[in-house]
């Protein structure tokens, strides 16, 4: 039972990165600023700082394909 619970918790905190949204959000930014932003996102992801990652429109924490309104 504990292993299933851990796997379920892990999938709820999975970090998804959407490149198309990233490029849309950084369109027109100088290359060095884009690079700094990507570095920041990578560091936050490595640290599993999901609250900080949620502020970025191109990062999703959880399961983006799961319907939040359906009962599990």
Protein backbone atom coordinates (compact mmCIF):
# COMPACT_ATOMS: atom_id res chain seq x y z
CA UNK A 1 0.00 0.00 0.00
CA UNK A 2 2.75 2.44 0.86
CA UNK A 3 4.44 2.05 -2.53
CA UNK A 4 1.17 2.88 -4.33
CA UNK A 5 0.72 5.94 -2.15
CA UNK A 6 4.27 7.09 -2.92
CA UNK A 7 3.78 6.58 -6.67
CA UNK A 8 0.51 8.51 -6.56
CA UNK A 9 2.13 11.37 -4.64
CA UNK A 10 5.06 11.42 -7.08
CA UNK A 11 2.75 11.69 -10.09
CA UNK A 12 0.87 14.57 -8.44
CA UNK A 13 4.13 16.53 -8.11
CA UNK A 14 5.55 15.73 -11.54
CA UNK A 15 6.98 18.80 -13.25
CA UNK A 16 6.02 19.39 -16.88
CA UNK A 17 7.79 21.86 -19.15
CA UNK A 18 6.06 23.07 -22.31
CA UNK A 19 8.62 24.42 -24.82
CA UNK A 20 6.01 26.05 -27.07
CA UNK A 21 4.68 28.06 -24.11
CA UNK A 22 8.25 28.90 -23.05
CA UNK A 23 9.11 30.32 -26.49
CA UNK A 24 5.83 32.25 -26.58
CA UNK A 25 6.52 33.71 -23.11
CA UNK A 26 10.09 34.68 -24.03
CA UNK A 27 9.41 36.01 -27.51
CA UNK A 28 11.32 39.24 -27.97
CA UNK A 29 13.48 38.75 -24.86
CA UNK A 30 17.23 39.14 -25.22
CA UNK A 31 19.02 35.78 -25.45
CA UNK A 32 20.91 36.27 -22.17
CA UNK A 33 17.65 36.96 -20.31
CA UNK A 34 16.06 33.82 -21.81
CA UNK A 35 19.11 31.83 -20.72
CA UNK A 36 18.91 33.20 -17.15
CA UNK A 37 15.21 32.36 -17.00
CA UNK A 38 15.86 28.80 -18.16
CA UNK A 39 18.65 28.43 -15.58
CA UNK A 40 16.27 29.61 -12.85
CA UNK A 41 13.57 27.15 -13.92
CA UNK A 42 16.08 24.28 -14.04
CA UNK A 43 17.37 25.07 -10.54
CA UNK A 44 13.85 25.26 -9.13
CA UNK A 45 12.97 21.96 -10.80
CA UNK A 46 16.08 20.26 -9.40
CA UNK A 47 15.15 21.56 -5.94
CA UNK A 48 11.55 20.42 -6.52
CA UNK A 49 10.29 23.86 -5.52
CA UNK A 50 6.84 23.33 -6.99
CA UNK A 51 5.34 26.47 -5.48
CA UNK A 52 7.95 28.68 -7.17
CA UNK A 53 7.56 26.79 -10.47
CA UNK A 54 3.80 27.39 -10.52
CA UNK A 55 4.40 31.09 -11.26
CA UNK A 56 5.69 30.26 -14.75
CA UNK A 57 3.02 29.87 -17.46
CA UNK A 58 5.11 27.28 -19.30
CA UNK A 59 5.54 24.94 -16.31
CA UNK A 60 2.83 22.69 -14.92
CA UNK A 61 3.06 20.72 -11.70
CA UNK A 62 0.93 17.60 -11.52
CA UNK A 63 -0.77 15.73 -14.33
CA UNK A 64 -1.77 18.12 -17.14
CA UNK A 65 -3.91 15.41 -18.74
CA UNK A 66 -5.98 14.66 -15.64
CA UNK A 67 -9.35 16.34 -15.43
CA UNK A 68 -9.27 18.29 -12.16
CA UNK A 69 -13.07 18.33 -11.92
CA UNK A 70 -13.53 14.54 -12.04
CA UNK A 71 -13.63 12.55 -8.83
CA UNK A 72 -10.72 10.20 -8.34
